[in-house]
PDB file of N, CA and C in Angstrom:
ATOM      1  N   MET A   1     -15.568 -49.257 -19.107  1.00  0.00           N
ATOM      2  CA  MET A   1     -14.704 -48.405 -19.892  1.00  0.00           C
ATOM      3  C   MET A   1     -14.910 -46.928 -19.513  1.00  0.00           C
ATOM      4  N   ILE A   2     -16.116 -46.470 -19.544  1.00  0.00           N
ATOM      5  CA  ILE A   2     -16.408 -45.076 -19.212  1.00  0.00           C
ATOM      6  C   ILE A   2     -16.095 -44.808 -17.745  1.00  0.00           C
ATOM      7  N   GLU A   3     -16.371 -45.789 -16.907  1.00  0.00           N
ATOM      8  CA  GLU A   3     -16.090 -45.623 -15.488  1.00  0.00           C
ATOM      9  C   GLU A   3     -14.588 -45.474 -15.247  1.00  0.00           C
ATOM     10  N   ASN A   4     -13.773 -46.232 -15.945  1.00  0.00           N
ATOM     11  CA  ASN A   4     -12.320 -46.119 -15.823  1.00  0.00           C
ATOM     12  C   ASN A   4     -11.832 -44.741 -16.269  1.00  0.00           C
ATOM     13  N   ARG A   5     -12.401 -44.252 -17.348  1.00  0.00           N
ATOM     14  CA  ARG A   5     -12.026 -42.923 -17.831  1.00  0.00           C
ATOM     15  C   ARG A   5     -12.431 -41.853 -16.821  1.00  0.00           C
ATOM     16  N   LEU A   6     -13.596 -42.012 -16.226  1.00  0.00           N
ATOM     17  CA  LEU A   6     -14.069 -41.057 -15.229  1.00  0.00           C
ATOM     18  C   LEU A   6     -13.147 -41.072 -14.000  1.00  0.00           C
ATOM     19  N   VAL A   7     -12.739 -42.238 -13.566  1.00  0.00           N
ATOM     20  CA  VAL A   7     -11.822 -42.354 -12.434  1.00  0.00           C
ATOM     21  C   VAL A   7     -10.491 -41.685 -12.773  1.00  0.00           C
ATOM     22  N   ASP A   8      -9.992 -41.918 -13.983  1.00  0.00           N
ATOM     23  CA  ASP A   8      -8.739 -41.286 -14.406  1.00  0.00           C
ATOM     24  C   ASP A   8      -8.854 -39.763 -14.398  1.00  0.00           C
ATOM     25  N   ILE A   9      -9.965 -39.262 -14.871  1.00  0.00           N
ATOM     26  CA  ILE A   9     -10.189 -37.806 -14.895  1.00  0.00           C
ATOM     27  C   ILE A   9     -10.250 -37.263 -13.470  1.00  0.00           C
ATOM     28  N   GLU A  10     -10.923 -37.978 -12.583  1.00  0.00           N
ATOM     29  CA  GLU A  10     -10.994 -37.534 -11.191  1.00  0.00           C
ATOM     30  C   GLU A  10      -9.618 -37.533 -10.528  1.00  0.00           C
ATOM     31  N   ILE A  11      -8.812 -38.530 -10.838  1.00  0.00           N
ATOM     32  CA  ILE A  11      -7.456 -38.590 -10.292  1.00  0.00           C
ATOM     33  C   ILE A  11      -6.636 -37.411 -10.802  1.00  0.00           C
ATOM     34  N   LYS A  12      -6.716 -37.143 -12.095  1.00  0.00           N
ATOM     35  CA  LYS A  12      -5.979 -36.016 -12.663  1.00  0.00           C
ATOM     36  C   LYS A  12      -6.441 -34.697 -12.056  1.00  0.00           C
ATOM     37  N   LEU A  13      -7.723 -34.553 -11.861  1.00  0.00           N
ATOM     38  CA  LEU A  13      -8.264 -33.336 -11.275  1.00  0.00           C
ATOM     39  C   LEU A  13      -7.771 -33.163  -9.839  1.00  0.00           C
ATOM     40  N   ALA A  14      -7.749 -34.228  -9.081  1.00  0.00           N
ATOM     41  CA  ALA A  14      -7.271 -34.161  -7.699  1.00  0.00           C
ATOM     42  C   ALA A  14      -5.793 -33.771  -7.663  1.00  0.00           C
ATOM     43  N   ARG A  15      -5.001 -34.321  -8.568  1.00  0.00           N
ATOM     44  CA  ARG A  15      -3.578 -33.973  -8.629  1.00  0.00           C
ATOM     45  C   ARG A  15      -3.396 -32.510  -9.020  1.00  0.00           C
ATOM     46  N   GLN A  16      -4.201 -32.034  -9.957  1.00  0.00           N
ATOM     47  CA  GLN A  16      -4.104 -30.638 -10.366  1.00  0.00           C
ATOM     48  C   GLN A  16      -4.498 -29.700  -9.227  1.00  0.00           C
ATOM     49  N   GLU A  17      -5.539 -30.059  -8.488  1.00  0.00           N
ATOM     50  CA  GLU A  17      -5.937 -29.238  -7.347  1.00  0.00           C
ATOM     51  C   GLU A  17      -4.815 -29.183  -6.311  1.00  0.00           C
ATOM     52  N   ASP A  18      -4.167 -30.310  -6.068  1.00  0.00           N
ATOM     53  CA  ASP A  18      -3.046 -30.344  -5.126  1.00  0.00           C
ATOM     54  C   ASP A  18      -1.896 -29.483  -5.634  1.00  0.00           C
ATOM     55  N   LEU A  19      -1.614 -29.561  -6.920  1.00  0.00           N
ATOM     56  CA  LEU A  19      -0.542 -28.761  -7.509  1.00  0.00           C
ATOM     57  C   LEU A  19      -0.856 -27.263  -7.409  1.00  0.00           C
ATOM     58  N   VAL A  20      -2.088 -26.894  -7.680  1.00  0.00           N
ATOM     59  CA  VAL A  20      -2.488 -25.485  -7.585  1.00  0.00           C
ATOM     60  C   VAL A  20      -2.344 -24.996  -6.142  1.00  0.00           C
ATOM     61  N   ASP A  21      -2.745 -25.807  -5.176  1.00  0.00           N
ATOM     62  CA  ASP A  21      -2.591 -25.422  -3.772  1.00  0.00           C
ATOM     63  C   ASP A  21      -1.116 -25.245  -3.410  1.00  0.00           C
ATOM     64  N   THR A  22      -0.279 -26.154  -3.868  1.00  0.00           N
ATOM     65  CA  THR A  22       1.157 -26.060  -3.607  1.00  0.00           C
ATOM     66  C   THR A  22       1.743 -24.800  -4.239  1.00  0.00           C
ATOM     67  N   LEU A  23       1.351 -24.514  -5.470  1.00  0.00           N
ATOM     68  CA  LEU A  23       1.844 -23.310  -6.148  1.00  0.00           C
ATOM     69  C   LEU A  23       1.369 -22.045  -5.440  1.00  0.00           C
ATOM     70  N   ASN A  24       0.134 -22.042  -4.985  1.00  0.00           N
ATOM     71  CA  ASN A  24      -0.384 -20.881  -4.255  1.00  0.00           C
ATOM     72  C   ASN A  24       0.405 -20.644  -2.972  1.00  0.00           C
ATOM     73  N   GLN A  25       0.729 -21.705  -2.258  1.00  0.00           N
ATOM     74  CA  GLN A  25       1.517 -21.575  -1.032  1.00  0.00           C
ATOM     75  C   GLN A  25       2.919 -21.045  -1.343  1.00  0.00           C
ATOM     76  N   THR A  26       3.495 -21.545  -2.419  1.00  0.00           N
ATOM     77  CA  THR A  26       4.827 -21.089  -2.822  1.00  0.00           C
ATOM     78  C   THR A  26       4.807 -19.608  -3.177  1.00  0.00           C
ATOM     79  N   ILE A  27       3.825 -19.203  -3.948  1.00  0.00           N
ATOM     80  CA  ILE A  27       3.700 -17.796  -4.339  1.00  0.00           C
ATOM     81  C   ILE A  27       3.479 -16.920  -3.115  1.00  0.00           C
ATOM     82  N   TYR A  28       2.680 -17.382  -2.183  1.00  0.00           N
ATOM     83  CA  TYR A  28       2.438 -16.617  -0.952  1.00  0.00           C
ATOM     84  C   TYR A  28       3.735 -16.413  -0.183  1.00  0.00           C
ATOM     85  N   ARG A  29       4.523 -17.480  -0.011  1.00  0.00           N
ATOM     86  CA  ARG A  29       5.799 -17.371   0.708  1.00  0.00           C
ATOM     87  C   ARG A  29       6.761 -16.449  -0.030  1.00  0.00           C
ATOM     88  N   GLN A  30       6.808 -16.550  -1.349  1.00  0.00           N
ATOM     89  CA  GLN A  30       7.695 -15.694  -2.125  1.00  0.00           C
ATOM     90  C   GLN A  30       7.289 -14.231  -2.005  1.00  0.00           C
ATOM     91  N   GLN A  31       5.999 -13.954  -2.066  1.00  0.00           N
ATOM     92  CA  GLN A  31       5.532 -12.574  -1.949  1.00  0.00           C
ATOM     93  C   GLN A  31       5.843 -12.015  -0.574  1.00  0.00           C
ATOM     94  N   LYS A  32       5.693 -12.848   0.453  1.00  0.00           N
ATOM     95  CA  LYS A  32       6.015 -12.422   1.810  1.00  0.00           C
ATOM     96  C   LYS A  32       7.499 -12.072   1.913  1.00  0.00           C
ATOM     97  N   LYS A  33       8.353 -12.890   1.317  1.00  0.00           N
ATOM     98  CA  LYS A  33       9.792 -12.638   1.328  1.00  0.00           C
ATOM     99  C   LYS A  33      10.117 -11.371   0.535  1.00  0.00           C
ATOM    100  N   ILE A  34       9.475 -11.174  -0.607  1.00  0.00           N
ATOM    101  CA  ILE A  34       9.683  -9.964  -1.415  1.00  0.00           C
ATOM    102  C   ILE A  34       9.311  -8.726  -0.599  1.00  0.00           C
ATOM    103  N   ASP A  35       8.196  -8.790   0.114  1.00  0.00           N
ATOM    104  CA  ASP A  35       7.773  -7.655   0.940  1.00  0.00           C
ATOM    105  C   ASP A  35       8.811  -7.357   2.024  1.00  0.00           C
ATOM    106  N   GLU A  36       9.344  -8.421   2.651  1.00  0.00           N
ATOM    107  CA  GLU A  36      10.371  -8.229   3.676  1.00  0.00           C
ATOM    108  C   GLU A  36      11.629  -7.592   3.081  1.00  0.00           C
ATOM    109  N   LEU A  37      12.031  -8.062   1.904  1.00  0.00           N
ATOM    110  CA  LEU A  37      13.233  -7.528   1.266  1.00  0.00           C
ATOM    111  C   LEU A  37      13.039  -6.081   0.821  1.00  0.00           C
ATOM    112  N   GLU A  38      11.845  -5.751   0.335  1.00  0.00           N
ATOM    113  CA  GLU A  38      11.572  -4.363  -0.047  1.00  0.00           C
ATOM    114  C   GLU A  38      11.636  -3.448   1.176  1.00  0.00           C
ATOM    115  N   ALA A  39      11.102  -3.907   2.299  1.00  0.00           N
ATOM    116  CA  ALA A  39      11.149  -3.106   3.525  1.00  0.00           C
ATOM    117  C   ALA A  39      12.596  -2.927   3.976  1.00  0.00           C
ATOM    118  N   LEU A  40      13.385  -3.977   3.865  1.00  0.00           N
ATOM    119  CA  LEU A  40      14.789  -3.892   4.240  1.00  0.00           C
ATOM    120  C   LEU A  40      15.545  -2.931   3.325  1.00  0.00           C
ATOM    121  N   CYS A  41      15.304  -2.998   2.034  1.00  0.00           N
ATOM    122  CA  CYS A  41      15.956  -2.081   1.087  1.00  0.00           C
ATOM    123  C   CYS A  41      15.569  -0.637   1.379  1.00  0.00           C
ATOM    124  N   THR A  42      14.320  -0.405   1.681  1.00  0.00           N
ATOM    125  CA  THR A  42      13.865   0.938   2.013  1.00  0.00           C
ATOM    126  C   THR A  42      14.562   1.451   3.268  1.00  0.00           C
ATOM    127  N   ALA A  43      14.659   0.593   4.280  1.00  0.00           N
ATOM    128  CA  ALA A  43      15.328   0.994   5.520  1.00  0.00           C
ATOM    129  C   ALA A  43      16.811   1.262   5.274  1.00  0.00           C
ATOM    130  N   LEU A  44      17.453   0.432   4.468  1.00  0.00           N
ATOM    131  CA  LEU A  44      18.870   0.642   4.172  1.00  0.00           C
ATOM    132  C   LEU A  44      19.091   1.925   3.379  1.00  0.00           C
ATOM    133  N   ALA A  45      18.220   2.192   2.416  1.00  0.00           N
ATOM    134  CA  ALA A  45      18.339   3.423   1.630  1.00  0.00           C
ATOM    135  C   ALA A  45      18.156   4.644   2.530  1.00  0.00           C
ATOM    136  N   ARG A  46      17.216   4.569   3.439  1.00  0.00           N
ATOM    137  CA  ARG A  46      16.981   5.671   4.369  1.00  0.00           C
ATOM    138  C   ARG A  46      18.208   5.871   5.270  1.00  0.00           C
ATOM    139  N   ARG A  47      18.769   4.780   5.759  1.00  0.00           N
ATOM    140  CA  ARG A  47      19.953   4.860   6.623  1.00  0.00           C
ATOM    141  C   ARG A  47      21.152   5.437   5.864  1.00  0.00           C
ATOM    142  N   LEU A  48      21.323   5.017   4.625  1.00  0.00           N
ATOM    143  CA  LEU A  48      22.414   5.534   3.802  1.00  0.00           C
ATOM    144  C   LEU A  48      22.256   7.032   3.582  1.00  0.00           C
ATOM    145  N   GLN A  49      21.037   7.457   3.322  1.00  0.00           N
ATOM    146  CA  GLN A  49      20.786   8.881   3.125  1.00  0.00           C
ATOM    147  C   GLN A  49      21.096   9.659   4.407  1.00  0.00           C
ATOM    148  N   GLU A  50      20.720   9.111   5.562  1.00  0.00           N
ATOM    149  CA  GLU A  50      21.014   9.761   6.836  1.00  0.00           C
ATOM    150  C   GLU A  50      22.526   9.882   7.045  1.00  0.00           C
ATOM    151  N   LEU A  51      23.245   8.813   6.724  1.00  0.00           N
ATOM    152  CA  LEU A  51      24.699   8.839   6.883  1.00  0.00           C
ATOM    153  C   LEU A  51      25.344   9.850   5.950  1.00  0.00           C
ATOM    154  N   GLN A  52      24.838   9.955   4.728  1.00  0.00           N
ATOM    155  CA  GLN A  52      25.376  10.928   3.781  1.00  0.00           C
ATOM    156  C   GLN A  52      25.112  12.349   4.255  1.00  0.00           C
ATOM    157  N   GLN A  53      23.927  12.576   4.807  1.00  0.00           N
ATOM    158  CA  GLN A  53      23.612  13.906   5.319  1.00  0.00           C
ATOM    159  C   GLN A  53      24.496  14.248   6.511  1.00  0.00           C
ATOM    160  N   THR A  54      24.721  13.282   7.369  1.00  0.00           N
ATOM    161  CA  THR A  54      25.578  13.496   8.530  1.00  0.00           C
ATOM    162  C   THR A  54      27.003  13.806   8.088  1.00  0.00           C
ATOM    163  N   ALA A  55      27.484  13.080   7.089  1.00  0.00           N
ATOM    164  CA  ALA A  55      28.844  13.298   6.585  1.00  0.00           C
ATOM    165  C   ALA A  55      28.966  14.673   5.933  1.00  0.00           C
ATOM    166  N   SER A  56      27.951  15.111   5.224  1.00  0.00           N
ATOM    167  CA  SER A  56      28.024  16.421   4.567  1.00  0.00           C
ATOM    168  C   SER A  56      27.925  17.554   5.589  1.00  0.00           C
ATOM    169  N   GLU A  57      27.260  17.313   6.711  1.00  0.00           N
ATOM    170  CA  GLU A  57      27.165  18.331   7.759  1.00  0.00           C
ATOM    171  C   GLU A  57      28.501  18.502   8.472  1.00  0.00           C
ATOM    172  N   ARG A  58      29.249  17.439   8.572  1.00  0.00           N
ATOM    173  CA  ARG A  58      30.553  17.513   9.240  1.00  0.00           C
ATOM    174  C   ARG A  58      31.544  18.330   8.419  1.00  0.00           C
ATOM    175  N   GLY A  59      31.406  18.246   7.118  1.00  0.00           N
ATOM    176  CA  GLY A  59      32.283  19.020   6.249  1.00  0.00           C
ATOM    177  C   GLY A  59      33.654  18.391   6.088  1.00  0.00           C
ATOM    178  N   PRO A  60      34.538  19.089   5.400  1.00  0.00           N
ATOM    179  CA  PRO A  60      35.857  18.555   5.092  1.00  0.00           C
ATOM    180  C   PRO A  60      36.798  18.499   6.288  1.00  0.00           C
ATOM    181  N   ALA A  61      36.447  19.084   7.411  1.00  0.00           N
ATOM    182  CA  ALA A  61      37.323  19.083   8.577  1.00  0.00           C
ATOM    183  C   ALA A  61      37.578  17.671   9.103  1.00  0.00           C
ATOM    184  N   HIS A  62      36.666  16.759   8.869  1.00  0.00           N
ATOM    185  CA  HIS A  62      36.811  15.405   9.382  1.00  0.00           C
ATOM    186  C   HIS A  62      37.294  14.419   8.327  1.00  0.00           C
ATOM    187  N   GLU A  63      37.658  14.916   7.179  1.00  0.00           N
ATOM    188  CA  GLU A  63      38.151  14.027   6.132  1.00  0.00           C
ATOM    189  C   GLU A  63      39.644  13.799   6.305  1.00  0.00           C
ATOM    190  N   ILE A  64      40.105  12.672   5.868  1.00  0.00           N
ATOM    191  CA  ILE A  64      41.532  12.344   5.927  1.00  0.00           C
ATOM    192  C   ILE A  64      42.235  13.146   4.816  1.00  0.00           C
ATOM    193  N   PRO A  65      43.353  13.788   5.143  1.00  0.00           N
ATOM    194  CA  PRO A  65      44.078  14.554   4.131  1.00  0.00           C
ATOM    195  C   PRO A  65      44.531  13.620   2.983  1.00  0.00           C
ATOM    196  N   PRO A  66      44.707  14.169   1.784  1.00  0.00           N
ATOM    197  CA  PRO A  66      45.042  13.339   0.631  1.00  0.00           C
ATOM    198  C   PRO A  66      46.394  12.644   0.738  1.00  0.00           C
ATOM    199  N   HIS A  67      47.311  13.125   1.565  1.00  0.00           N
ATOM    200  CA  HIS A  67      48.627  12.505   1.627  1.00  0.00           C
ATOM    201  C   HIS A  67      48.651  11.229   2.465  1.00  0.00           C
ATOM    202  N   TYR A  68      47.523  10.824   3.063  1.00  0.00           N
ATOM    203  CA  TYR A  68      47.490   9.574   3.842  1.00  0.00           C
ATOM    204  C   TYR A  68      47.212   8.411   2.968  1.00  0.00           C
TER     205      TYR A  68
END
């Protein structure tokens, strides 16, 4: 009886360890993806700012007249 309970506990513990390892791997992959997306957002924001600065330097001479 006690031996069966001990085996059951060991099985549950092994399953929990496997689940924790799987969750850790998932979290690692998600964090890696988040880091990539943050870097991409930063690069896009920087590029947008550069484009806005370039457009403001050109001035209204390069804008399409309102009647178009």
